[in-house]
C-alpha atoms as a PDB file:
ATOM      1  CA  MET A   1     105.924 124.871 138.524  1.00  0.00           C
ATOM      2  CA  THR A   2     104.803 121.480 139.609  1.00  0.00           C
ATOM      3  CA  THR A   3     106.111 120.593 143.066  1.00  0.00           C
ATOM      4  CA  GLN A   4     105.452 116.619 142.993  1.00  0.00           C
ATOM      5  CA  THR A   5     107.502 114.691 145.346  1.00  0.00           C
ATOM      6  CA  ASP A   6     109.687 112.405 143.442  1.00  0.00           C
ATOM      7  CA  ASN A   7     109.238 108.657 143.571  1.00  0.00           C
ATOM      8  CA  PRO A   8     111.778 107.472 146.202  1.00  0.00           C
ATOM      9  CA  SER A   9     112.813 104.603 143.917  1.00  0.00           C
ATOM     10  CA  ALA A  10     113.345 106.832 140.928  1.00  0.00           C
ATOM     11  CA  SER A  11     115.488 109.177 142.911  1.00  0.00           C
ATOM     12  CA  SER A  12     117.622 106.484 144.437  1.00  0.00           C
ATOM     13  CA  GLY A  13     118.221 104.490 141.363  1.00  0.00           C
ATOM     14  CA  LYS A  14     116.404 101.471 142.618  1.00  0.00           C
ATOM     15  CA  SER A  15     114.461  99.243 140.206  1.00  0.00           C
ATOM     16  CA  LEU A  16     111.212 100.448 139.007  1.00  0.00           C
ATOM     17  CA  ALA A  17     108.232  98.991 137.012  1.00  0.00           C
ATOM     18  CA  ILE A  18     108.191 100.701 133.655  1.00  0.00           C
ATOM     19  CA  ALA A  19     106.030 100.206 130.642  1.00  0.00           C
ATOM     20  CA  VAL A  20     106.803 101.183 126.973  1.00  0.00           C
ATOM     21  CA  LEU A  21     103.562 101.227 124.760  1.00  0.00           C
ATOM     22  CA  GLY A  22     104.447 100.619 121.156  1.00  0.00           C
ATOM     23  CA  GLY A  23     106.317  98.041 119.143  1.00  0.00           C
ATOM     24  CA  GLY A  24     108.113 100.363 116.777  1.00  0.00           C
ATOM     25  CA  SER A  25     111.792 101.011 116.482  1.00  0.00           C
ATOM     26  CA  PHE A  26     111.950 103.719 119.040  1.00  0.00           C
ATOM     27  CA  GLY A  27     109.803 102.197 121.621  1.00  0.00           C
ATOM     28  CA  THR A  28     111.993  99.016 121.297  1.00  0.00           C
ATOM     29  CA  ALA A  29     115.186 101.169 121.799  1.00  0.00           C
ATOM     30  CA  ILE A  30     113.853 102.843 124.767  1.00  0.00           C
ATOM     31  CA  ALA A  31     112.631  99.578 126.310  1.00  0.00           C
ATOM     32  CA  ASN A  32     116.075  97.959 125.663  1.00  0.00           C
ATOM     33  CA  ILE A  33     117.786 100.823 127.415  1.00  0.00           C
ATOM     34  CA  VAL A  34     115.452 100.706 130.486  1.00  0.00           C
ATOM     35  CA  ALA A  35     115.778  96.867 130.721  1.00  0.00           C
ATOM     36  CA  GLY A  36     119.468  97.195 130.496  1.00  0.00           C
ATOM     37  CA  ASN A  37     119.583  99.586 133.396  1.00  0.00           C
ATOM     38  CA  GLY A  38     118.072  97.043 135.688  1.00  0.00           C
ATOM     39  CA  HIS A  39     114.331  97.989 135.673  1.00  0.00           C
ATOM     40  CA  ASP A  40     111.282  95.763 135.363  1.00  0.00           C
ATOM     41  CA  THR A  41     110.455  96.603 131.918  1.00  0.00           C
ATOM     42  CA  ARG A  42     107.352  95.547 129.921  1.00  0.00           C
ATOM     43  CA  GLN A  43     106.923  96.422 126.266  1.00  0.00           C
ATOM     44  CA  TRP A  44     103.313  96.361 124.848  1.00  0.00           C
ATOM     45  CA  MET A  45     102.589  95.527 121.324  1.00  0.00           C
ATOM     46  CA  ARG A  46      98.995  95.514 119.992  1.00  0.00           C
ATOM     47  CA  ASP A  47      99.540  92.524 117.708  1.00  0.00           C
ATOM     48  CA  GLU A  48      99.816  89.254 119.734  1.00  0.00           C
ATOM     49  CA  ALA A  49     101.248  87.448 116.772  1.00  0.00           C
ATOM     50  CA  ARG A  50     104.045  89.949 116.578  1.00  0.00           C
ATOM     51  CA  ALA A  51     104.552  90.134 120.364  1.00  0.00           C
ATOM     52  CA  ALA A  52     104.910  86.228 120.369  1.00  0.00           C
ATOM     53  CA  ASP A  53     107.297  86.357 117.490  1.00  0.00           C
ATOM     54  CA  CYS A  54     109.546  88.850 119.397  1.00  0.00           C
ATOM     55  CA  ARG A  55     109.390  86.807 122.501  1.00  0.00           C
ATOM     56  CA  LYS A  56     110.436  83.743 120.680  1.00  0.00           C
ATOM     57  CA  MET A  57     113.178  85.302 118.606  1.00  0.00           C
ATOM     58  CA  ARG A  58     114.250  87.845 121.197  1.00  0.00           C
ATOM     59  CA  GLU A  59     114.427  90.283 118.365  1.00  0.00           C
ATOM     60  CA  ASN A  60     112.026  92.851 116.851  1.00  0.00           C
ATOM     61  CA  HIS A  61     112.829  91.878 113.234  1.00  0.00           C
ATOM     62  CA  TYR A  62     109.894  94.150 112.069  1.00  0.00           C
ATOM     63  CA  TYR A  63     111.627  97.413 113.024  1.00  0.00           C
ATOM     64  CA  LEU A  64     115.193  96.562 114.500  1.00  0.00           C
ATOM     65  CA  PRO A  65     116.477  93.349 112.669  1.00  0.00           C
ATOM     66  CA  GLY A  66     119.593  91.955 114.048  1.00  0.00           C
ATOM     67  CA  VAL A  67     119.421  93.734 117.351  1.00  0.00           C
ATOM     68  CA  PRO A  68     118.922  91.347 120.215  1.00  0.00           C
ATOM     69  CA  LEU A  69     116.298  92.292 122.804  1.00  0.00           C
ATOM     70  CA  HIS A  70     117.519  92.491 126.493  1.00  0.00           C
ATOM     71  CA  PRO A  71     117.024  89.033 128.025  1.00  0.00           C
ATOM     72  CA  GLU A  72     114.959  90.709 130.977  1.00  0.00           C
ATOM     73  CA  LEU A  73     112.757  92.751 128.552  1.00  0.00           C
ATOM     74  CA  GLN A  74     109.081  91.385 128.944  1.00  0.00           C
ATOM     75  CA  ILE A  75     107.032  91.652 125.717  1.00  0.00           C
ATOM     76  CA  THR A  76     103.141  91.429 125.873  1.00  0.00           C
ATOM     77  CA  SER A  77      99.993  92.269 123.926  1.00  0.00           C
ATOM     78  CA  ASP A  78      98.016  92.350 127.240  1.00  0.00           C
ATOM     79  CA  LEU A  79      97.693  96.004 128.120  1.00  0.00           C
ATOM     80  CA  ARG A  80      96.720  95.341 131.760  1.00  0.00           C
ATOM     81  CA  GLN A  81      99.626  92.953 132.408  1.00  0.00           C
ATOM     82  CA  ALA A  82     102.057  95.697 130.686  1.00  0.00           C
ATOM     83  CA  ILE A  83     100.666  98.548 133.112  1.00  0.00           C
ATOM     84  CA  ASP A  84     100.127  96.644 136.277  1.00  0.00           C
ATOM     85  CA  GLY A  85     102.258  98.289 138.909  1.00  0.00           C
ATOM     86  CA  CYS A  86     104.157 100.595 136.672  1.00  0.00           C
ATOM     87  CA  GLN A  87     105.414 103.930 137.971  1.00  0.00           C
ATOM     88  CA  ILE A  88     106.533 105.215 134.539  1.00  0.00           C
ATOM     89  CA  VAL A  89     104.723 104.642 131.014  1.00  0.00           C
ATOM     90  CA  PHE A  90     106.377 105.687 127.900  1.00  0.00           C
ATOM     91  CA  VAL A  91     103.889 106.242 124.996  1.00  0.00           C
ATOM     92  CA  ALA A  92     105.531 105.426 121.704  1.00  0.00           C
ATOM     93  CA  ILE A  93     102.459 105.230 119.557  1.00  0.00           C
ATOM     94  CA  PRO A  94     101.860 106.917 116.136  1.00  0.00           C
ATOM     95  CA  SER A  95      99.744 110.030 116.417  1.00  0.00           C
ATOM     96  CA  LYS A  96      96.954 108.604 114.563  1.00  0.00           C
ATOM     97  CA  SER A  97      96.395 105.855 117.151  1.00  0.00           C
ATOM     98  CA  PHE A  98      97.731 107.870 120.159  1.00  0.00           C
ATOM     99  CA  ARG A  99      94.292 108.961 121.720  1.00  0.00           C
ATOM    100  CA  ASP A 100      92.839 105.398 121.115  1.00  0.00           C
ATOM    101  CA  VAL A 101      95.618 103.687 123.144  1.00  0.00           C
ATOM    102  CA  VAL A 102      95.700 106.436 125.884  1.00  0.00           C
ATOM    103  CA  GLN A 103      92.008 106.050 126.330  1.00  0.00           C
ATOM    104  CA  ARG A 104      92.419 102.213 126.731  1.00  0.00           C
ATOM    105  CA  VAL A 105      95.282 102.669 129.111  1.00  0.00           C
ATOM    106  CA  ALA A 106      93.873 105.491 131.249  1.00  0.00           C
ATOM    107  CA  PRO A 107      91.604 103.144 133.680  1.00  0.00           C
ATOM    108  CA  LEU A 108      94.470 100.910 134.394  1.00  0.00           C
ATOM    109  CA  LEU A 109      96.984 103.794 135.601  1.00  0.00           C
ATOM    110  CA  ALA A 110      97.821 104.265 139.310  1.00  0.00           C
ATOM    111  CA  PRO A 111      97.624 107.846 140.453  1.00  0.00           C
ATOM    112  CA  ASP A 112     100.705 109.999 139.907  1.00  0.00           C
ATOM    113  CA  THR A 113     102.051 107.656 137.172  1.00  0.00           C
ATOM    114  CA  MET A 114     104.672 109.339 134.967  1.00  0.00           C
ATOM    115  CA  LEU A 115     103.324 109.446 131.435  1.00  0.00           C
ATOM    116  CA  ILE A 116     106.070 110.249 128.880  1.00  0.00           C
ATOM    117  CA  SER A 117     105.105 110.657 125.125  1.00  0.00           C
ATOM    118  CA  THR A 118     107.925 109.888 122.488  1.00  0.00           C
ATOM    119  CA  THR A 119     105.619 110.612 119.595  1.00  0.00           C
ATOM    120  CA  LYS A 120     106.658 113.370 117.146  1.00  0.00           C
ATOM    121  CA  GLY A 121     103.349 114.322 115.673  1.00  0.00           C
ATOM    122  CA  ILE A 122     100.136 116.199 115.787  1.00  0.00           C
ATOM    123  CA  GLU A 123      96.622 114.929 116.011  1.00  0.00           C
ATOM    124  CA  GLU A 124      94.488 116.147 113.046  1.00  0.00           C
ATOM    125  CA  ASP A 125      91.266 116.903 114.990  1.00  0.00           C
ATOM    126  CA  GLY A 126      91.788 120.029 116.779  1.00  0.00           C
ATOM    127  CA  PHE A 127      95.580 120.453 116.315  1.00  0.00           C
ATOM    128  CA  HIS A 128      96.434 118.491 119.634  1.00  0.00           C
ATOM    129  CA  LEU A 129      99.894 117.643 120.530  1.00  0.00           C
ATOM    130  CA  MET A 130     100.322 114.304 122.256  1.00  0.00           C
ATOM    131  CA  SER A 131     101.020 115.893 125.764  1.00  0.00           C
ATOM    132  CA  ASP A 132      97.566 117.556 125.171  1.00  0.00           C
ATOM    133  CA  ILE A 133      95.974 114.135 124.680  1.00  0.00           C
ATOM    134  CA  LEU A 134      97.616 112.680 127.843  1.00  0.00           C
ATOM    135  CA  ARG A 135      96.207 115.427 129.803  1.00  0.00           C
ATOM    136  CA  GLU A 136      92.782 115.305 128.301  1.00  0.00           C
ATOM    137  CA  GLU A 137      92.228 111.469 128.560  1.00  0.00           C
ATOM    138  CA  THR A 138      93.829 111.031 132.039  1.00  0.00           C
ATOM    139  CA  SER A 139      93.566 112.750 135.535  1.00  0.00           C
ATOM    140  CA  GLY A 140      96.100 112.861 138.319  1.00  0.00           C
ATOM    141  CA  MET A 141      99.040 111.889 136.018  1.00  0.00           C
ATOM    142  CA  ARG A 142     102.464 113.519 135.638  1.00  0.00           C
ATOM    143  CA  VAL A 143     103.253 114.391 132.082  1.00  0.00           C
ATOM    144  CA  GLY A 144     106.367 114.709 130.046  1.00  0.00           C
ATOM    145  CA  VAL A 145     107.718 114.580 126.532  1.00  0.00           C
ATOM    146  CA  LEU A 146     110.840 112.885 125.203  1.00  0.00           C
ATOM    147  CA  SER A 147     112.295 114.342 122.023  1.00  0.00           C
ATOM    148  CA  GLY A 148     115.520 114.931 120.202  1.00  0.00           C
ATOM    149  CA  PRO A 149     117.959 113.805 117.486  1.00  0.00           C
ATOM    150  CA  ASN A 150     117.402 110.097 118.139  1.00  0.00           C
ATOM    151  CA  PHE A 151     117.424 107.447 115.388  1.00  0.00           C
ATOM    152  CA  ALA A 152     116.646 104.194 117.024  1.00  0.00           C
ATOM    153  CA  LYS A 153     119.091 102.081 115.001  1.00  0.00           C
ATOM    154  CA  GLU A 154     121.975 104.387 116.027  1.00  0.00           C
ATOM    155  CA  ILE A 155     120.871 104.168 119.702  1.00  0.00           C
ATOM    156  CA  VAL A 156     120.754 100.410 119.799  1.00  0.00           C
ATOM    157  CA  ALA A 157     124.006 100.338 118.100  1.00  0.00           C
ATOM    158  CA  GLY A 158     125.676 102.230 120.963  1.00  0.00           C
ATOM    159  CA  HIS A 159     126.399 105.499 119.090  1.00  0.00           C
ATOM    160  CA  TYR A 160     126.667 108.486 121.523  1.00  0.00           C
ATOM    161  CA  THR A 161     123.248 110.027 121.490  1.00  0.00           C
ATOM    162  CA  ALA A 162     121.426 112.798 123.640  1.00  0.00           C
ATOM    163  CA  THR A 163     117.564 113.537 124.119  1.00  0.00           C
ATOM    164  CA  VAL A 164     115.469 115.938 125.956  1.00  0.00           C
ATOM    165  CA  ILE A 165     112.935 115.207 128.668  1.00  0.00           C
ATOM    166  CA  ALA A 166     110.486 118.216 128.905  1.00  0.00           C
ATOM    167  CA  SER A 167     108.203 118.717 131.827  1.00  0.00           C
ATOM    168  CA  GLU A 168     107.302 121.457 134.297  1.00  0.00           C
ATOM    169  CA  ASP A 169     107.647 118.755 136.828  1.00  0.00           C
ATOM    170  CA  GLU A 170     111.188 118.890 137.776  1.00  0.00           C
ATOM    171  CA  ALA A 171     111.207 115.727 139.754  1.00  0.00           C
ATOM    172  CA  LEU A 172     109.777 113.834 136.765  1.00  0.00           C
ATOM    173  CA  CYS A 173     112.549 115.064 134.692  1.00  0.00           C
ATOM    174  CA  THR A 174     115.024 113.869 137.168  1.00  0.00           C
ATOM    175  CA  SER A 175     113.607 110.520 137.420  1.00  0.00           C
ATOM    176  CA  ILE A 176     113.618 110.115 133.472  1.00  0.00           C
ATOM    177  CA  GLN A 177     117.146 111.179 133.313  1.00  0.00           C
ATOM    178  CA  ARG A 178     118.131 108.452 135.861  1.00  0.00           C
ATOM    179  CA  VAL A 179     116.052 105.789 134.255  1.00  0.00           C
ATOM    180  CA  LEU A 180     117.458 106.291 130.633  1.00  0.00           C
ATOM    181  CA  HIS A 181     120.958 107.381 131.279  1.00  0.00           C
ATOM    182  CA  SER A 182     123.675 104.968 130.106  1.00  0.00           C
ATOM    183  CA  GLU A 183     127.282 105.159 128.930  1.00  0.00           C
ATOM    184  CA  THR A 184     126.034 106.072 125.343  1.00  0.00           C
ATOM    185  CA  PHE A 185     122.572 107.829 126.060  1.00  0.00           C
ATOM    186  CA  ARG A 186     122.544 111.206 127.701  1.00  0.00           C
ATOM    187  CA  VAL A 187     119.245 113.023 128.878  1.00  0.00           C
ATOM    188  CA  TYR A 188     118.991 116.701 129.085  1.00  0.00           C
ATOM    189  CA  SER A 189     115.881 118.465 130.702  1.00  0.00           C
ATOM    190  CA  SER A 190     113.552 121.359 129.638  1.00  0.00           C
ATOM    191  CA  LYS A 191     110.586 123.091 131.111  1.00  0.00           C
ATOM    192  CA  ASP A 192     109.082 124.191 127.668  1.00  0.00           C
ATOM    193  CA  VAL A 193     107.003 121.146 127.126  1.00  0.00           C
ATOM    194  CA  PHE A 194     105.025 122.830 124.155  1.00  0.00           C
ATOM    195  CA  GLY A 195     108.314 123.987 122.418  1.00  0.00           C
ATOM    196  CA  VAL A 196     110.171 120.780 122.707  1.00  0.00           C
ATOM    197  CA  GLU A 197     107.035 118.703 121.354  1.00  0.00           C
ATOM    198  CA  LEU A 198     106.348 121.289 118.594  1.00  0.00           C
ATOM    199  CA  ALA A 199     110.035 121.130 117.369  1.00  0.00           C
ATOM    200  CA  GLY A 200     109.686 117.361 117.243  1.00  0.00           C
ATOM    201  CA  ALA A 201     106.627 117.553 115.060  1.00  0.00           C
ATOM    202  CA  LEU A 202     107.716 120.544 112.841  1.00  0.00           C
ATOM    203  CA  LYS A 203     111.149 119.101 111.759  1.00  0.00           C
ATOM    204  CA  ASN A 204     109.469 116.180 110.048  1.00  0.00           C
ATOM    205  CA  ILE A 205     108.115 118.430 107.447  1.00  0.00           C
ATOM    206  CA  TYR A 206     111.435 119.901 106.455  1.00  0.00           C
ATOM    207  CA  ALA A 207     113.019 116.434 106.253  1.00  0.00           C
ATOM    208  CA  ILE A 208     110.640 115.863 103.188  1.00  0.00           C
ATOM    209  CA  VAL A 209     112.074 118.930 101.418  1.00  0.00           C
ATOM    210  CA  THR A 210     115.716 118.062 101.927  1.00  0.00           C
ATOM    211  CA  GLY A 211     114.914 114.448 100.711  1.00  0.00           C
ATOM    212  CA  MET A 212     113.564 116.136  97.620  1.00  0.00           C
ATOM    213  CA  ALA A 213     116.627 118.130  97.073  1.00  0.00           C
ATOM    214  CA  ALA A 214     118.795 115.105  97.513  1.00  0.00           C
ATOM    215  CA  ALA A 215     116.730 113.189  94.854  1.00  0.00           C
ATOM    216  CA  LEU A 216     117.157 116.196  92.511  1.00  0.00           C
ATOM    217  CA  GLU A 217     120.975 115.995  93.208  1.00  0.00           C
ATOM    218  CA  ARG A 218     121.225 119.553  94.687  1.00  0.00           C
ATOM    219  CA  GLY A 219     124.481 120.277  96.460  1.00  0.00           C
ATOM    220  CA  GLN A 220     125.254 120.851 100.052  1.00  0.00           C
ATOM    221  CA  ASN A 221     124.745 124.654  99.691  1.00  0.00           C
ATOM    222  CA  THR A 222     120.994 123.851  98.976  1.00  0.00           C
ATOM    223  CA  ILE A 223     120.613 121.455 101.918  1.00  0.00           C
ATOM    224  CA  SER A 224     122.351 124.256 104.147  1.00  0.00           C
ATOM    225  CA  LEU A 225     119.879 126.817 102.914  1.00  0.00           C
ATOM    226  CA  LEU A 226     116.775 124.651 103.427  1.00  0.00           C
ATOM    227  CA  ILE A 227     117.748 123.563 107.149  1.00  0.00           C
ATOM    228  CA  THR A 228     118.622 127.272 107.999  1.00  0.00           C
ATOM    229  CA  ARG A 229     115.400 128.824 106.776  1.00  0.00           C
ATOM    230  CA  ALA A 230     113.512 125.830 108.160  1.00  0.00           C
ATOM    231  CA  LEU A 231     114.688 126.692 111.530  1.00  0.00           C
ATOM    232  CA  ALA A 232     113.646 130.272 111.044  1.00  0.00           C
ATOM    233  CA  GLU A 233     110.157 129.113 110.016  1.00  0.00           C
ATOM    234  CA  MET A 234     110.031 126.781 113.036  1.00  0.00           C
ATOM    235  CA  MET A 235     110.896 129.536 115.382  1.00  0.00           C
ATOM    236  CA  ARG A 236     108.415 131.897 113.894  1.00  0.00           C
ATOM    237  CA  PHE A 237     105.660 129.354 114.172  1.00  0.00           C
ATOM    238  CA  ALA A 238     106.638 128.482 117.864  1.00  0.00           C
ATOM    239  CA  GLU A 239     106.510 132.328 118.898  1.00  0.00           C
ATOM    240  CA  ALA A 240     103.174 132.665 117.196  1.00  0.00           C
ATOM    241  CA  MET A 241     101.872 129.566 119.122  1.00  0.00           C
ATOM    242  CA  GLY A 242     103.198 130.729 122.449  1.00  0.00           C
ATOM    243  CA  ALA A 243     106.358 128.343 122.779  1.00  0.00           C
ATOM    244  CA  ASP A 244     109.738 129.668 123.517  1.00  0.00           C
ATOM    245  CA  PRO A 245     111.654 130.112 120.163  1.00  0.00           C
ATOM    246  CA  MET A 246     114.916 129.748 121.970  1.00  0.00           C
ATOM    247  CA  THR A 247     113.948 126.091 122.703  1.00  0.00           C
ATOM    248  CA  PHE A 248     114.577 125.469 118.982  1.00  0.00           C
ATOM    249  CA  ILE A 249     118.302 126.299 118.947  1.00  0.00           C
ATOM    250  CA  GLY A 250     118.627 123.072 121.279  1.00  0.00           C
ATOM    251  CA  LEU A 251     118.702 119.473 120.883  1.00  0.00           C
ATOM    252  CA  ALA A 252     114.855 119.004 120.350  1.00  0.00           C
ATOM    253  CA  GLY A 253     115.023 121.728 117.611  1.00  0.00           C
ATOM    254  CA  VAL A 254     117.987 122.388 115.368  1.00  0.00           C
ATOM    255  CA  GLY A 255     119.701 119.272 116.542  1.00  0.00           C
ATOM    256  CA  ASP A 256     116.653 117.018 115.589  1.00  0.00           C
ATOM    257  CA  LEU A 257     116.300 119.085 112.484  1.00  0.00           C
ATOM    258  CA  ILE A 258     119.939 118.597 111.221  1.00  0.00           C
ATOM    259  CA  LEU A 259     119.605 114.834 111.965  1.00  0.00           C
ATOM    260  CA  THR A 260     116.188 114.332 110.198  1.00  0.00           C
ATOM    261  CA  CYS A 261     117.169 116.481 107.234  1.00  0.00           C
ATOM    262  CA  SER A 262     120.485 114.861 106.337  1.00  0.00           C
ATOM    263  CA  SER A 263     119.954 111.112 106.683  1.00  0.00           C
ATOM    264  CA  ASP A 264     118.139 108.343 104.741  1.00  0.00           C
ATOM    265  CA  LEU A 265     117.434 106.833 108.098  1.00  0.00           C
ATOM    266  CA  SER A 266     114.623 109.403 108.293  1.00  0.00           C
ATOM    267  CA  ARG A 267     111.271 108.073 107.012  1.00  0.00           C
ATOM    268  CA  ASN A 268     110.147 111.560 105.970  1.00  0.00           C
ATOM    269  CA  TYR A 269     113.614 112.127 104.233  1.00  0.00           C
ATOM    270  CA  ARG A 270     113.029 108.921 102.244  1.00  0.00           C
ATOM    271  CA  VAL A 271     109.298 109.895 101.358  1.00  0.00           C
ATOM    272  CA  GLY A 272     110.704 113.260 100.015  1.00  0.00           C
ATOM    273  CA  TYR A 273     113.506 111.523  98.087  1.00  0.00           C
ATOM    274  CA  LEU A 274     110.958 109.149  96.312  1.00  0.00           C
ATOM    275  CA  VAL A 275     108.667 112.010  95.634  1.00  0.00           C
ATOM    276  CA  GLY A 276     111.652 113.979  94.124  1.00  0.00           C
ATOM    277  CA  ARG A 277     112.370 110.881  91.876  1.00  0.00           C
ATOM    278  CA  GLY A 278     108.930 111.271  90.464  1.00  0.00           C
ATOM    279  CA  ARG A 279     106.892 108.782  92.604  1.00  0.00           C
ATOM    280  CA  PRO A 280     103.314 109.471  93.670  1.00  0.00           C
ATOM    281  CA  LEU A 281     103.025 110.385  97.358  1.00  0.00           C
ATOM    282  CA  GLU A 282     100.818 107.462  98.138  1.00  0.00           C
ATOM    283  CA  GLU A 283     103.260 105.013  96.569  1.00  0.00           C
ATOM    284  CA  ALA A 284     106.272 106.635  98.412  1.00  0.00           C
ATOM    285  CA  VAL A 285     104.409 106.396 101.837  1.00  0.00           C
ATOM    286  CA  ALA A 286     103.573 102.683 101.052  1.00  0.00           C
ATOM    287  CA  GLU A 287     107.108 101.852 100.061  1.00  0.00           C
ATOM    288  CA  ILE A 288     108.583 103.214 103.273  1.00  0.00           C
ATOM    289  CA  GLY A 289     106.288 100.873 105.215  1.00  0.00           C
ATOM    290  CA  GLN A 290     106.370 102.847 108.479  1.00  0.00           C
ATOM    291  CA  VAL A 291     104.594 105.957 109.652  1.00  0.00           C
ATOM    292  CA  ALA A 292     106.071 109.163 108.093  1.00  0.00           C
ATOM    293  CA  GLU A 293     104.430 111.831 110.617  1.00  0.00           C
ATOM    294  CA  GLY A 294     105.686 114.692 108.370  1.00  0.00           C
ATOM    295  CA  VAL A 295     103.172 114.059 105.635  1.00  0.00           C
ATOM    296  CA  ASN A 296     100.166 114.499 107.807  1.00  0.00           C
ATOM    297  CA  THR A 297     101.919 117.445 109.660  1.00  0.00           C
ATOM    298  CA  VAL A 298     102.408 119.435 106.538  1.00  0.00           C
ATOM    299  CA  ARG A 299      98.528 119.872 105.904  1.00  0.00           C
ATOM    300  CA  LEU A 300      97.978 120.651 109.731  1.00  0.00           C
ATOM    301  CA  ILE A 301     100.704 123.340 109.864  1.00  0.00           C
ATOM    302  CA  LYS A 302      99.936 124.803 106.550  1.00  0.00           C
ATOM    303  CA  HIS A 303      96.369 125.462 107.514  1.00  0.00           C
ATOM    304  CA  LYS A 304      97.320 126.732 111.131  1.00  0.00           C
ATOM    305  CA  ALA A 305     100.027 129.048 109.696  1.00  0.00           C
ATOM    306  CA  ASP A 306      97.576 130.565 107.039  1.00  0.00           C
ATOM    307  CA  GLU A 307      94.970 130.791 109.783  1.00  0.00           C
ATOM    308  CA  MET A 308      97.497 132.673 112.065  1.00  0.00           C
ATOM    309  CA  GLY A 309      99.198 134.635 109.312  1.00  0.00           C
ATOM    310  CA  VAL A 310     102.648 133.203 109.949  1.00  0.00           C
ATOM    311  CA  TYR A 311     104.873 133.481 106.975  1.00  0.00           C
ATOM    312  CA  MET A 312     106.222 129.878 106.164  1.00  0.00           C
ATOM    313  CA  PRO A 313     107.209 129.638 102.572  1.00  0.00           C
ATOM    314  CA  LEU A 314     108.860 126.236 102.838  1.00  0.00           C
ATOM    315  CA  VAL A 315     105.598 124.659 104.309  1.00  0.00           C
ATOM    316  CA  SER A 316     103.473 126.250 101.482  1.00  0.00           C
ATOM    317  CA  ALA A 317     106.013 124.904  98.909  1.00  0.00           C
ATOM    318  CA  ILE A 318     106.055 121.283 100.326  1.00  0.00           C
ATOM    319  CA  HIS A 319     102.181 121.343 100.562  1.00  0.00           C
ATOM    320  CA  ALA A 320     102.022 122.517  96.914  1.00  0.00           C
ATOM    321  CA  ILE A 321     104.118 119.675  95.753  1.00  0.00           C
ATOM    322  CA  LEU A 322     102.523 116.884  97.788  1.00  0.00           C
ATOM    323  CA  PHE A 323      98.759 117.872  97.811  1.00  0.00           C
ATOM    324  CA  GLU A 324      98.305 120.464  94.999  1.00  0.00           C
ATOM    325  CA  GLU A 325     100.227 118.539  92.392  1.00  0.00           C
ATOM    326  CA  ARG A 326     102.268 121.463  91.401  1.00  0.00           C
ATOM    327  CA  PRO A 327     105.505 120.661  89.503  1.00  0.00           C
ATOM    328  CA  ILE A 328     108.730 120.704  91.742  1.00  0.00           C
ATOM    329  CA  PRO A 329     110.564 123.219  89.253  1.00  0.00           C
ATOM    330  CA  GLU A 330     107.707 125.496  89.359  1.00  0.00           C
ATOM    331  CA  VAL A 331     107.664 125.627  93.191  1.00  0.00           C
ATOM    332  CA  ILE A 332     111.311 126.001  93.428  1.00  0.00           C
ATOM    333  CA  ARG A 333     111.099 129.152  90.925  1.00  0.00           C
ATOM    334  CA  ASP A 334     108.550 130.743  93.196  1.00  0.00           C
ATOM    335  CA  LEU A 335     110.599 130.027  96.328  1.00  0.00           C
ATOM    336  CA  MET A 336     113.647 131.638  94.958  1.00  0.00           C
ATOM    337  CA  SER A 337     111.692 134.803  93.497  1.00  0.00           C
ATOM    338  CA  GLY A 338     109.971 135.329  96.968  1.00  0.00           C
ATOM    339  CA  ALA A 339     110.712 138.199  99.279  1.00  0.00           C
ATOM    340  CA  GLN A 340     114.362 138.364 100.870  1.00  0.00           C
ATOM    341  CA  THR A 341     113.789 139.253 104.405  1.00  0.00           C
ATOM    342  CA  PHE A 342     116.109 139.375 107.399  1.00  0.00           C
ATOM    343  CA  ASP A 343     118.445 136.522 107.991  1.00  0.00           C
ATOM    344  CA  VAL A 344     118.143 136.179 111.798  1.00  0.00           C
ATOM    345  CA  ALA A 345     115.027 137.317 113.645  1.00  0.00           C
ATOM    346  CA  TYR A 346     116.238 137.050 117.253  1.00  0.00           C
ATOM    347  CA  SER A 347     119.062 138.876 118.972  1.00  0.00           C
ATOM    348  CA  ALA A 348     120.599 138.760 122.559  1.00  0.00           C
ATOM    349  CA  LYS A 349     121.262 142.432 122.127  1.00  0.00           C
ATOM    350  CA  PRO A 350     118.646 145.244 122.757  1.00  0.00           C
END
């Protein structure tokens, strides 16, 4: 267990300098919360024209139209200006660009900076999670992961929401809980960084298949079946990878799975819906206009599951539809004729 001494300001609730890297919907929602809690908050956007527009309009109309940005939230495309003096840095960058941004920011970080990934994805080269990249590209930093059932649009609308901060560093967890807590946003803690992060990446896959089911006008029985068996697959894979499968019955696991698999606010769900309506995958992704992490994750998890011998029939089915051009009805028939195994693989009883 890490025994870092917590930053006195973070412990006492005093104002901190905090950066949020990323100009997407979730990064903006987090930046708004932090600024609203009285902290010196800087949000970094890669595109200067977009940053300037957000400064002028006081609204991120690209991702959260109609939502006013907090008056004290500073928006910049200057990475050094965003990072200077910050004790906490949230990294809300898509997985494809995550390592590149972390490499750029690493020389600017002060020792013992808290680095918090909010990205729910896996890097294709070497099956790296985002916390792995943070550790590989920096030294002397304190690393955590934020994940949970958190649609940005609902967060900024003030709907009651909870999330999970995961780290072996208990003081870091306490600091992030204090920085983010508000009347409508609650933060729980976990020591299972790998499990929380893996759950956030895996659930995106299954949102694709429930989107397909909705497009095919299947009922709630079907959606319930898919979500429940998805959870079983996630727990099997987590155990094989060395994570705690019990993490998956919490907010970051089943909580996020239910949310992502049952709402058209989910980008992955919308991709699945369009594919279920007969649209080519590339066209569906282009129409969404934002990163749908689950598309890339399907390939990575299918390869890893095959390599490790983990039984994941839903992952195989989604892969067959998206990348093997197999007809959806044919894949469904194969799924329904597969082996009927145990319902629950884990029990509290000996």
